[in-house]
Amino acid sequence: NFLQDKYALLPAVIIICVAVVMFI
């Protein structure tokens, strides 16, 4: 409710993508 912006989850998605890239 505080983070109404649609990009609020973008940092978490980026972190997961970085994790996949780091593994590779």
mmCIF file of all heavy atoms, coordinates in Angstrom:
data_MODEL
# 
_entry.id   MODEL 
# 
loop_
_atom_site.group_PDB 
_atom_site.id 
_atom_site.type_symbol 
_atom_site.label_atom_id 
_atom_site.label_alt_id 
_atom_site.label_comp_id 
_atom_site.label_asym_id 
_atom_site.label_entity_id 
_atom_site.label_seq_id 
_atom_site.pdbx_PDB_ins_code 
_atom_site.Cartn_x 
_atom_site.Cartn_y 
_atom_site.Cartn_z 
_atom_site.occupancy 
_atom_site.B_iso_or_equiv 
_atom_site.pdbx_formal_charge 
_atom_site.auth_seq_id 
_atom_site.auth_comp_id 
_atom_site.auth_asym_id 
_atom_site.auth_atom_id 
_atom_site.pdbx_PDB_model_num 
ATOM 1   N N   . ASN A 1 1  ? 0.818  -1.209  0.000   1.00 0.00 ? 1  ASN A N   1 
ATOM 2   C CA  . ASN A 1 1  ? 0.000  0.000   0.000   1.00 0.00 ? 1  ASN A CA  1 
ATOM 3   C C   . ASN A 1 1  ? 0.854  1.263   0.000   1.00 0.00 ? 1  ASN A C   1 
ATOM 4   O O   . ASN A 1 1  ? 0.423  2.313   -0.443  1.00 0.00 ? 1  ASN A O   1 
ATOM 5   C CB  . ASN A 1 1  ? -0.921 0.030   1.219   1.00 0.00 ? 1  ASN A CB  1 
ATOM 6   C CG  . ASN A 1 1  ? -2.049 -0.963  1.075   1.00 0.00 ? 1  ASN A CG  1 
ATOM 7   O OD1 . ASN A 1 1  ? -2.371 -1.380  -0.027  1.00 0.00 ? 1  ASN A OD1 1 
ATOM 8   N ND2 . ASN A 1 1  ? -2.641 -1.340  2.183   1.00 0.00 ? 1  ASN A ND2 1 
ATOM 9   N N   . PHE A 1 2  ? 2.071  1.173   0.529   1.00 0.00 ? 2  PHE A N   1 
ATOM 10  C CA  . PHE A 1 2  ? 2.966  2.321   0.536   1.00 0.00 ? 2  PHE A CA  1 
ATOM 11  C C   . PHE A 1 2  ? 3.729  2.434   -0.769  1.00 0.00 ? 2  PHE A C   1 
ATOM 12  O O   . PHE A 1 2  ? 4.172  3.499   -1.132  1.00 0.00 ? 2  PHE A O   1 
ATOM 13  C CB  . PHE A 1 2  ? 3.981  2.218   1.675   1.00 0.00 ? 2  PHE A CB  1 
ATOM 14  C CG  . PHE A 1 2  ? 3.369  2.447   3.011   1.00 0.00 ? 2  PHE A CG  1 
ATOM 15  C CD1 . PHE A 1 2  ? 3.306  1.434   3.932   1.00 0.00 ? 2  PHE A CD1 1 
ATOM 16  C CD2 . PHE A 1 2  ? 2.847  3.677   3.335   1.00 0.00 ? 2  PHE A CD2 1 
ATOM 17  C CE1 . PHE A 1 2  ? 2.740  1.641   5.165   1.00 0.00 ? 2  PHE A CE1 1 
ATOM 18  C CE2 . PHE A 1 2  ? 2.272  3.902   4.572   1.00 0.00 ? 2  PHE A CE2 1 
ATOM 19  C CZ  . PHE A 1 2  ? 2.228  2.875   5.483   1.00 0.00 ? 2  PHE A CZ  1 
ATOM 20  N N   . LEU A 1 3  ? 3.913  1.343   -1.456  1.00 0.00 ? 3  LEU A N   1 
ATOM 21  C CA  . LEU A 1 3  ? 4.714  1.331   -2.672  1.00 0.00 ? 3  LEU A CA  1 
ATOM 22  C C   . LEU A 1 3  ? 3.803  1.086   -3.862  1.00 0.00 ? 3  LEU A C   1 
ATOM 23  O O   . LEU A 1 3  ? 3.754  0.008   -4.416  1.00 0.00 ? 3  LEU A O   1 
ATOM 24  C CB  . LEU A 1 3  ? 5.793  0.242   -2.575  1.00 0.00 ? 3  LEU A CB  1 
ATOM 25  C CG  . LEU A 1 3  ? 6.713  0.370   -1.367  1.00 0.00 ? 3  LEU A CG  1 
ATOM 26  C CD1 . LEU A 1 3  ? 7.578  -0.856  -1.239  1.00 0.00 ? 3  LEU A CD1 1 
ATOM 27  C CD2 . LEU A 1 3  ? 7.556  1.621   -1.473  1.00 0.00 ? 3  LEU A CD2 1 
ATOM 28  N N   . GLN A 1 4  ? 3.055  2.109   -4.241  1.00 0.00 ? 4  GLN A N   1 
ATOM 29  C CA  . GLN A 1 4  ? 2.073  1.966   -5.304  1.00 0.00 ? 4  GLN A CA  1 
ATOM 30  C C   . GLN A 1 4  ? 2.698  2.006   -6.689  1.00 0.00 ? 4  GLN A C   1 
ATOM 31  O O   . GLN A 1 4  ? 2.048  1.705   -7.667  1.00 0.00 ? 4  GLN A O   1 
ATOM 32  C CB  . GLN A 1 4  ? 1.027  3.074   -5.166  1.00 0.00 ? 4  GLN A CB  1 
ATOM 33  C CG  . GLN A 1 4  ? 0.259  2.952   -3.878  1.00 0.00 ? 4  GLN A CG  1 
ATOM 34  C CD  . GLN A 1 4  ? -0.605 4.162   -3.607  1.00 0.00 ? 4  GLN A CD  1 
ATOM 35  O OE1 . GLN A 1 4  ? -0.512 5.168   -4.299  1.00 0.00 ? 4  GLN A OE1 1 
ATOM 36  N NE2 . GLN A 1 4  ? -1.434 4.070   -2.601  1.00 0.00 ? 4  GLN A NE2 1 
ATOM 37  N N   . ASP A 1 5  ? 3.936  2.378   -6.766  1.00 0.00 ? 5  ASP A N   1 
ATOM 38  C CA  . ASP A 1 5  ? 4.624  2.460   -8.045  1.00 0.00 ? 5  ASP A CA  1 
ATOM 39  C C   . ASP A 1 5  ? 4.816  1.051   -8.605  1.00 0.00 ? 5  ASP A C   1 
ATOM 40  O O   . ASP A 1 5  ? 5.192  0.130   -7.884  1.00 0.00 ? 5  ASP A O   1 
ATOM 41  C CB  . ASP A 1 5  ? 5.977  3.141   -7.862  1.00 0.00 ? 5  ASP A CB  1 
ATOM 42  C CG  . ASP A 1 5  ? 6.641  3.479   -9.183  1.00 0.00 ? 5  ASP A CG  1 
ATOM 43  O OD1 . ASP A 1 5  ? 6.029  3.245   -10.233 1.00 0.00 ? 5  ASP A OD1 1 
ATOM 44  O OD2 . ASP A 1 5  ? 7.766  3.987   -9.150  1.00 0.00 ? 5  ASP A OD2 1 
ATOM 45  N N   . LYS A 1 6  ? 4.587  0.887   -9.903  1.00 0.00 ? 6  LYS A N   1 
ATOM 46  C CA  . LYS A 1 6  ? 4.709  -0.436  -10.506 1.00 0.00 ? 6  LYS A CA  1 
ATOM 47  C C   . LYS A 1 6  ? 6.155  -0.913  -10.564 1.00 0.00 ? 6  LYS A C   1 
ATOM 48  O O   . LYS A 1 6  ? 6.411  -2.075  -10.789 1.00 0.00 ? 6  LYS A O   1 
ATOM 49  C CB  . LYS A 1 6  ? 4.090  -0.444  -11.900 1.00 0.00 ? 6  LYS A CB  1 
ATOM 50  C CG  . LYS A 1 6  ? 4.747  0.513   -12.876 1.00 0.00 ? 6  LYS A CG  1 
ATOM 51  C CD  . LYS A 1 6  ? 4.044  0.490   -14.210 1.00 0.00 ? 6  LYS A CD  1 
ATOM 52  C CE  . LYS A 1 6  ? 4.656  1.509   -15.147 1.00 0.00 ? 6  LYS A CE  1 
ATOM 53  N NZ  . LYS A 1 6  ? 4.016  1.517   -16.434 1.00 0.00 ? 6  LYS A NZ  1 
ATOM 54  N N   . TYR A 1 7  ? 7.101  -0.004  -10.344 1.00 0.00 ? 7  TYR A N   1 
ATOM 55  C CA  . TYR A 1 7  ? 8.508  -0.377  -10.391 1.00 0.00 ? 7  TYR A CA  1 
ATOM 56  C C   . TYR A 1 7  ? 9.083  -0.687  -9.004  1.00 0.00 ? 7  TYR A C   1 
ATOM 57  O O   . TYR A 1 7  ? 10.283 -0.838  -8.856  1.00 0.00 ? 7  TYR A O   1 
ATOM 58  C CB  . TYR A 1 7  ? 9.337  0.740   -11.031 1.00 0.00 ? 7  TYR A CB  1 
ATOM 59  C CG  . TYR A 1 7  ? 8.918  1.023   -12.453 1.00 0.00 ? 7  TYR A CG  1 
ATOM 60  C CD1 . TYR A 1 7  ? 8.295  2.207   -12.781 1.00 0.00 ? 7  TYR A CD1 1 
ATOM 61  C CD2 . TYR A 1 7  ? 9.134  0.084   -13.452 1.00 0.00 ? 7  TYR A CD2 1 
ATOM 62  C CE1 . TYR A 1 7  ? 7.898  2.465   -14.089 1.00 0.00 ? 7  TYR A CE1 1 
ATOM 63  C CE2 . TYR A 1 7  ? 8.743  0.335   -14.749 1.00 0.00 ? 7  TYR A CE2 1 
ATOM 64  C CZ  . TYR A 1 7  ? 8.127  1.529   -15.061 1.00 0.00 ? 7  TYR A CZ  1 
ATOM 65  O OH  . TYR A 1 7  ? 7.745  1.768   -16.337 1.00 0.00 ? 7  TYR A OH  1 
ATOM 66  N N   . ALA A 1 8  ? 8.242  -0.783  -7.999  1.00 0.00 ? 8  ALA A N   1 
ATOM 67  C CA  . ALA A 1 8  ? 8.720  -0.990  -6.632  1.00 0.00 ? 8  ALA A CA  1 
ATOM 68  C C   . ALA A 1 8  ? 9.434  -2.331  -6.470  1.00 0.00 ? 8  ALA A C   1 
ATOM 69  O O   . ALA A 1 8  ? 10.341 -2.456  -5.664  1.00 0.00 ? 8  ALA A O   1 
ATOM 70  C CB  . ALA A 1 8  ? 7.557  -0.898  -5.651  1.00 0.00 ? 8  ALA A CB  1 
ATOM 71  N N   . LEU A 1 9  ? 9.037  -3.339  -7.235  1.00 0.00 ? 9  LEU A N   1 
ATOM 72  C CA  . LEU A 1 9  ? 9.674  -4.653  -7.144  1.00 0.00 ? 9  LEU A CA  1 
ATOM 73  C C   . LEU A 1 9  ? 10.881 -4.786  -8.055  1.00 0.00 ? 9  LEU A C   1 
ATOM 74  O O   . LEU A 1 9  ? 11.551 -5.816  -8.043  1.00 0.00 ? 9  LEU A O   1 
ATOM 75  C CB  . LEU A 1 9  ? 8.672  -5.758  -7.475  1.00 0.00 ? 9  LEU A CB  1 
ATOM 76  C CG  . LEU A 1 9  ? 7.712  -6.113  -6.355  1.00 0.00 ? 9  LEU A CG  1 
ATOM 77  C CD1 . LEU A 1 9  ? 6.741  -7.185  -6.809  1.00 0.00 ? 9  LEU A CD1 1 
ATOM 78  C CD2 . LEU A 1 9  ? 8.454  -6.564  -5.127  1.00 0.00 ? 9  LEU A CD2 1 
ATOM 79  N N   . LEU A 1 10 ? 11.166 -3.770  -8.831  1.00 0.00 ? 10 LEU A N   1 
ATOM 80  C CA  . LEU A 1 10 ? 12.284 -3.830  -9.772  1.00 0.00 ? 10 LEU A CA  1 
ATOM 81  C C   . LEU A 1 10 ? 13.617 -4.152  -9.098  1.00 0.00 ? 10 LEU A C   1 
ATOM 82  O O   . LEU A 1 10 ? 14.358 -4.996  -9.609  1.00 0.00 ? 10 LEU A O   1 
ATOM 83  C CB  . LEU A 1 10 ? 12.369 -2.528  -10.570 1.00 0.00 ? 10 LEU A CB  1 
ATOM 84  C CG  . LEU A 1 10 ? 13.346 -2.508  -11.729 1.00 0.00 ? 10 LEU A CG  1 
ATOM 85  C CD1 . LEU A 1 10 ? 12.984 -3.584  -12.742 1.00 0.00 ? 10 LEU A CD1 1 
ATOM 86  C CD2 . LEU A 1 10 ? 13.357 -1.153  -12.399 1.00 0.00 ? 10 LEU A CD2 1 
ATOM 87  N N   . PRO A 1 11 ? 13.959 -3.549  -7.944  1.00 0.00 ? 11 PRO A N   1 
ATOM 88  C CA  . PRO A 1 11 ? 15.232 -3.920  -7.313  1.00 0.00 ? 11 PRO A CA  1 
ATOM 89  C C   . PRO A 1 11 ? 15.318 -5.401  -6.954  1.00 0.00 ? 11 PRO A C   1 
ATOM 90  O O   . PRO A 1 11 ? 16.368 -6.021  -7.136  1.00 0.00 ? 11 PRO A O   1 
ATOM 91  C CB  . PRO A 1 11 ? 15.273 -3.046  -6.054  1.00 0.00 ? 11 PRO A CB  1 
ATOM 92  C CG  . PRO A 1 11 ? 14.430 -1.879  -6.386  1.00 0.00 ? 11 PRO A CG  1 
ATOM 93  C CD  . PRO A 1 11 ? 13.339 -2.413  -7.262  1.00 0.00 ? 11 PRO A CD  1 
ATOM 94  N N   . ALA A 1 12 ? 14.231 -5.984  -6.481  1.00 0.00 ? 12 ALA A N   1 
ATOM 95  C CA  . ALA A 1 12 ? 14.245 -7.405  -6.130  1.00 0.00 ? 12 ALA A CA  1 
ATOM 96  C C   . ALA A 1 12 ? 14.433 -8.277  -7.363  1.00 0.00 ? 12 ALA A C   1 
ATOM 97  O O   . ALA A 1 12 ? 15.177 -9.265  -7.338  1.00 0.00 ? 12 ALA A O   1 
ATOM 98  C CB  . ALA A 1 12 ? 12.955 -7.785  -5.407  1.00 0.00 ? 12 ALA A CB  1 
ATOM 99  N N   . VAL A 1 13 ? 13.781 -7.910  -8.459  1.00 0.00 ? 13 VAL A N   1 
ATOM 100 C CA  . VAL A 1 13 ? 13.932 -8.674  -9.702  1.00 0.00 ? 13 VAL A CA  1 
ATOM 101 C C   . VAL A 1 13 ? 15.365 -8.540  -10.214 1.00 0.00 ? 13 VAL A C   1 
ATOM 102 O O   . VAL A 1 13 ? 15.962 -9.522  -10.680 1.00 0.00 ? 13 VAL A O   1 
ATOM 103 C CB  . VAL A 1 13 ? 12.906 -8.182  -10.758 1.00 0.00 ? 13 VAL A CB  1 
ATOM 104 C CG1 . VAL A 1 13 ? 13.166 -8.810  -12.109 1.00 0.00 ? 13 VAL A CG1 1 
ATOM 105 C CG2 . VAL A 1 13 ? 11.491 -8.484  -10.288 1.00 0.00 ? 13 VAL A CG2 1 
ATOM 106 N N   . ILE A 1 14 ? 15.921 -7.347  -10.118 1.00 0.00 ? 14 ILE A N   1 
ATOM 107 C CA  . ILE A 1 14 ? 17.304 -7.137  -10.551 1.00 0.00 ? 14 ILE A CA  1 
ATOM 108 C C   . ILE A 1 14 ? 18.251 -7.984  -9.711  1.00 0.00 ? 14 ILE A C   1 
ATOM 109 O O   . ILE A 1 14 ? 19.191 -8.585  -10.236 1.00 0.00 ? 14 ILE A O   1 
ATOM 110 C CB  . ILE A 1 14 ? 17.678 -5.642  -10.498 1.00 0.00 ? 14 ILE A CB  1 
ATOM 111 C CG1 . ILE A 1 14 ? 16.932 -4.885  -11.597 1.00 0.00 ? 14 ILE A CG1 1 
ATOM 112 C CG2 . ILE A 1 14 ? 19.178 -5.442  -10.634 1.00 0.00 ? 14 ILE A CG2 1 
ATOM 113 C CD1 . ILE A 1 14 ? 17.077 -3.384  -11.526 1.00 0.00 ? 14 ILE A CD1 1 
ATOM 114 N N   . ILE A 1 15 ? 18.017 -8.047  -8.404  1.00 0.00 ? 15 ILE A N   1 
ATOM 115 C CA  . ILE A 1 15 ? 18.865 -8.853  -7.522  1.00 0.00 ? 15 ILE A CA  1 
ATOM 116 C C   . ILE A 1 15 ? 18.826 -10.317 -7.933  1.00 0.00 ? 15 ILE A C   1 
ATOM 117 O O   . ILE A 1 15 ? 19.863 -10.983 -7.996  1.00 0.00 ? 15 ILE A O   1 
ATOM 118 C CB  . ILE A 1 15 ? 18.441 -8.670  -6.052  1.00 0.00 ? 15 ILE A CB  1 
ATOM 119 C CG1 . ILE A 1 15 ? 18.844 -7.285  -5.564  1.00 0.00 ? 15 ILE A CG1 1 
ATOM 120 C CG2 . ILE A 1 15 ? 19.053 -9.742  -5.162  1.00 0.00 ? 15 ILE A CG2 1 
ATOM 121 C CD1 . ILE A 1 15 ? 18.307 -6.935  -4.195  1.00 0.00 ? 15 ILE A CD1 1 
ATOM 122 N N   . ILE A 1 16 ? 17.656 -10.835 -8.245  1.00 0.00 ? 16 ILE A N   1 
ATOM 123 C CA  . ILE A 1 16 ? 17.543 -12.240 -8.666  1.00 0.00 ? 16 ILE A CA  1 
ATOM 124 C C   . ILE A 1 16 ? 18.236 -12.455 -10.008 1.00 0.00 ? 16 ILE A C   1 
ATOM 125 O O   . ILE A 1 16 ? 18.930 -13.459 -10.202 1.00 0.00 ? 16 ILE A O   1 
ATOM 126 C CB  . ILE A 1 16 ? 16.065 -12.671 -8.700  1.00 0.00 ? 16 ILE A CB  1 
ATOM 127 C CG1 . ILE A 1 16 ? 15.516 -12.721 -7.263  1.00 0.00 ? 16 ILE A CG1 1 
ATOM 128 C CG2 . ILE A 1 16 ? 15.903 -14.027 -9.377  1.00 0.00 ? 16 ILE A CG2 1 
ATOM 129 C CD1 . ILE A 1 16 ? 14.032 -12.980 -7.159  1.00 0.00 ? 16 ILE A CD1 1 
ATOM 130 N N   . CYS A 1 17 ? 18.079 -11.511 -10.934 1.00 0.00 ? 17 CYS A N   1 
ATOM 131 C CA  . CYS A 1 17 ? 18.768 -11.626 -12.229 1.00 0.00 ? 17 CYS A CA  1 
ATOM 132 C C   . CYS A 1 17 ? 20.281 -11.594 -12.047 1.00 0.00 ? 17 CYS A C   1 
ATOM 133 O O   . CYS A 1 17 ? 21.007 -12.355 -12.701 1.00 0.00 ? 17 CYS A O   1 
ATOM 134 C CB  . CYS A 1 17 ? 18.319 -10.515 -13.166 1.00 0.00 ? 17 CYS A CB  1 
ATOM 135 S SG  . CYS A 1 17 ? 16.612 -10.670 -13.718 1.00 0.00 ? 17 CYS A SG  1 
ATOM 136 N N   . VAL A 1 18 ? 20.758 -10.726 -11.165 1.00 0.00 ? 18 VAL A N   1 
ATOM 137 C CA  . VAL A 1 18 ? 22.194 -10.663 -10.896 1.00 0.00 ? 18 VAL A CA  1 
ATOM 138 C C   . VAL A 1 18 ? 22.670 -11.986 -10.309 1.00 0.00 ? 18 VAL A C   1 
ATOM 139 O O   . VAL A 1 18 ? 23.763 -12.463 -10.638 1.00 0.00 ? 18 VAL A O   1 
ATOM 140 C CB  . VAL A 1 18 ? 22.521 -9.473  -9.959  1.00 0.00 ? 18 VAL A CB  1 
ATOM 141 C CG1 . VAL A 1 18 ? 23.913 -9.577  -9.394  1.00 0.00 ? 18 VAL A CG1 1 
ATOM 142 C CG2 . VAL A 1 18 ? 22.344 -8.160  -10.702 1.00 0.00 ? 18 VAL A CG2 1 
ATOM 143 N N   . ALA A 1 19 ? 21.862 -12.599 -9.462  1.00 0.00 ? 19 ALA A N   1 
ATOM 144 C CA  . ALA A 1 19 ? 22.229 -13.891 -8.876  1.00 0.00 ? 19 ALA A CA  1 
ATOM 145 C C   . ALA A 1 19 ? 22.388 -14.958 -9.961  1.00 0.00 ? 19 ALA A C   1 
ATOM 146 O O   . ALA A 1 19 ? 23.340 -15.745 -9.938  1.00 0.00 ? 19 ALA A O   1 
ATOM 147 C CB  . ALA A 1 19 ? 21.187 -14.324 -7.853  1.00 0.00 ? 19 ALA A CB  1 
ATOM 148 N N   . VAL A 1 20 ? 21.476 -14.978 -10.920 1.00 0.00 ? 20 VAL A N   1 
ATOM 149 C CA  . VAL A 1 20 ? 21.566 -15.949 -12.016 1.00 0.00 ? 20 VAL A CA  1 
ATOM 150 C C   . VAL A 1 20 ? 22.820 -15.696 -12.846 1.00 0.00 ? 20 VAL A C   1 
ATOM 151 O O   . VAL A 1 20 ? 23.566 -16.627 -13.178 1.00 0.00 ? 20 VAL A O   1 
ATOM 152 C CB  . VAL A 1 20 ? 20.290 -15.891 -12.897 1.00 0.00 ? 20 VAL A CB  1 
ATOM 153 C CG1 . VAL A 1 20 ? 20.455 -16.694 -14.165 1.00 0.00 ? 20 VAL A CG1 1 
ATOM 154 C CG2 . VAL A 1 20 ? 19.083 -16.376 -12.108 1.00 0.00 ? 20 VAL A CG2 1 
ATOM 155 N N   . VAL A 1 21 ? 23.068 -14.416 -13.150 1.00 0.00 ? 21 VAL A N   1 
ATOM 156 C CA  . VAL A 1 21 ? 24.254 -14.066 -13.938 1.00 0.00 ? 21 VAL A CA  1 
ATOM 157 C C   . VAL A 1 21 ? 25.530 -14.433 -13.176 1.00 0.00 ? 21 VAL A C   1 
ATOM 158 O O   . VAL A 1 21 ? 26.486 -14.965 -13.753 1.00 0.00 ? 21 VAL A O   1 
ATOM 159 C CB  . VAL A 1 21 ? 24.224 -12.572 -14.325 1.00 0.00 ? 21 VAL A CB  1 
ATOM 160 C CG1 . VAL A 1 21 ? 25.538 -12.119 -14.911 1.00 0.00 ? 21 VAL A CG1 1 
ATOM 161 C CG2 . VAL A 1 21 ? 23.084 -12.302 -15.297 1.00 0.00 ? 21 VAL A CG2 1 
ATOM 162 N N   . MET A 1 22 ? 25.542 -14.169 -11.868 1.00 0.00 ? 22 MET A N   1 
ATOM 163 C CA  . MET A 1 22 ? 26.712 -14.515 -11.062 1.00 0.00 ? 22 MET A CA  1 
ATOM 164 C C   . MET A 1 22 ? 26.969 -16.021 -11.060 1.00 0.00 ? 22 MET A C   1 
ATOM 165 O O   . MET A 1 22 ? 28.127 -16.460 -11.116 1.00 0.00 ? 22 MET A O   1 
ATOM 166 C CB  . MET A 1 22 ? 26.535 -14.032 -9.616  1.00 0.00 ? 22 MET A CB  1 
ATOM 167 C CG  . MET A 1 22 ? 26.798 -12.564 -9.436  1.00 0.00 ? 22 MET A CG  1 
ATOM 168 S SD  . MET A 1 22 ? 26.632 -12.050 -7.725  1.00 0.00 ? 22 MET A SD  1 
ATOM 169 C CE  . MET A 1 22 ? 27.934 -12.959 -6.938  1.00 0.00 ? 22 MET A CE  1 
ATOM 170 N N   . PHE A 1 23 ? 25.910 -16.792 -11.020 1.00 0.00 ? 23 PHE A N   1 
ATOM 171 C CA  . PHE A 1 23 ? 26.070 -18.241 -11.054 1.00 0.00 ? 23 PHE A CA  1 
ATOM 172 C C   . PHE A 1 23 ? 26.701 -18.677 -12.372 1.00 0.00 ? 23 PHE A C   1 
ATOM 173 O O   . PHE A 1 23 ? 27.646 -19.474 -12.393 1.00 0.00 ? 23 PHE A O   1 
ATOM 174 C CB  . PHE A 1 23 ? 24.717 -18.940 -10.853 1.00 0.00 ? 23 PHE A CB  1 
ATOM 175 C CG  . PHE A 1 23 ? 24.806 -20.423 -10.937 1.00 0.00 ? 23 PHE A CG  1 
ATOM 176 C CD1 . PHE A 1 23 ? 25.321 -21.158 -9.883  1.00 0.00 ? 23 PHE A CD1 1 
ATOM 177 C CD2 . PHE A 1 23 ? 24.390 -21.091 -12.086 1.00 0.00 ? 23 PHE A CD2 1 
ATOM 178 C CE1 . PHE A 1 23 ? 25.418 -22.541 -9.958  1.00 0.00 ? 23 PHE A CE1 1 
ATOM 179 C CE2 . PHE A 1 23 ? 24.479 -22.470 -12.173 1.00 0.00 ? 23 PHE A CE2 1 
ATOM 180 C CZ  . PHE A 1 23 ? 24.996 -23.199 -11.105 1.00 0.00 ? 23 PHE A CZ  1 
ATOM 181 N N   . ILE A 1 24 ? 26.209 -18.118 -13.471 1.00 0.00 ? 24 ILE A N   1 
ATOM 182 C CA  . ILE A 1 24 ? 26.748 -18.468 -14.798 1.00 0.00 ? 24 ILE A CA  1 
ATOM 183 C C   . ILE A 1 24 ? 28.201 -18.022 -14.919 1.00 0.00 ? 24 ILE A C   1 
ATOM 184 O O   . ILE A 1 24 ? 29.061 -18.772 -15.409 1.00 0.00 ? 24 ILE A O   1 
ATOM 185 C CB  . ILE A 1 24 ? 25.866 -17.857 -15.911 1.00 0.00 ? 24 ILE A CB  1 
ATOM 186 C CG1 . ILE A 1 24 ? 24.491 -18.528 -15.913 1.00 0.00 ? 24 ILE A CG1 1 
ATOM 187 C CG2 . ILE A 1 24 ? 26.528 -17.986 -17.270 1.00 0.00 ? 24 ILE A CG2 1 
ATOM 188 C CD1 . ILE A 1 24 ? 23.460 -17.842 -16.770 1.00 0.00 ? 24 ILE A CD1 1 
# 
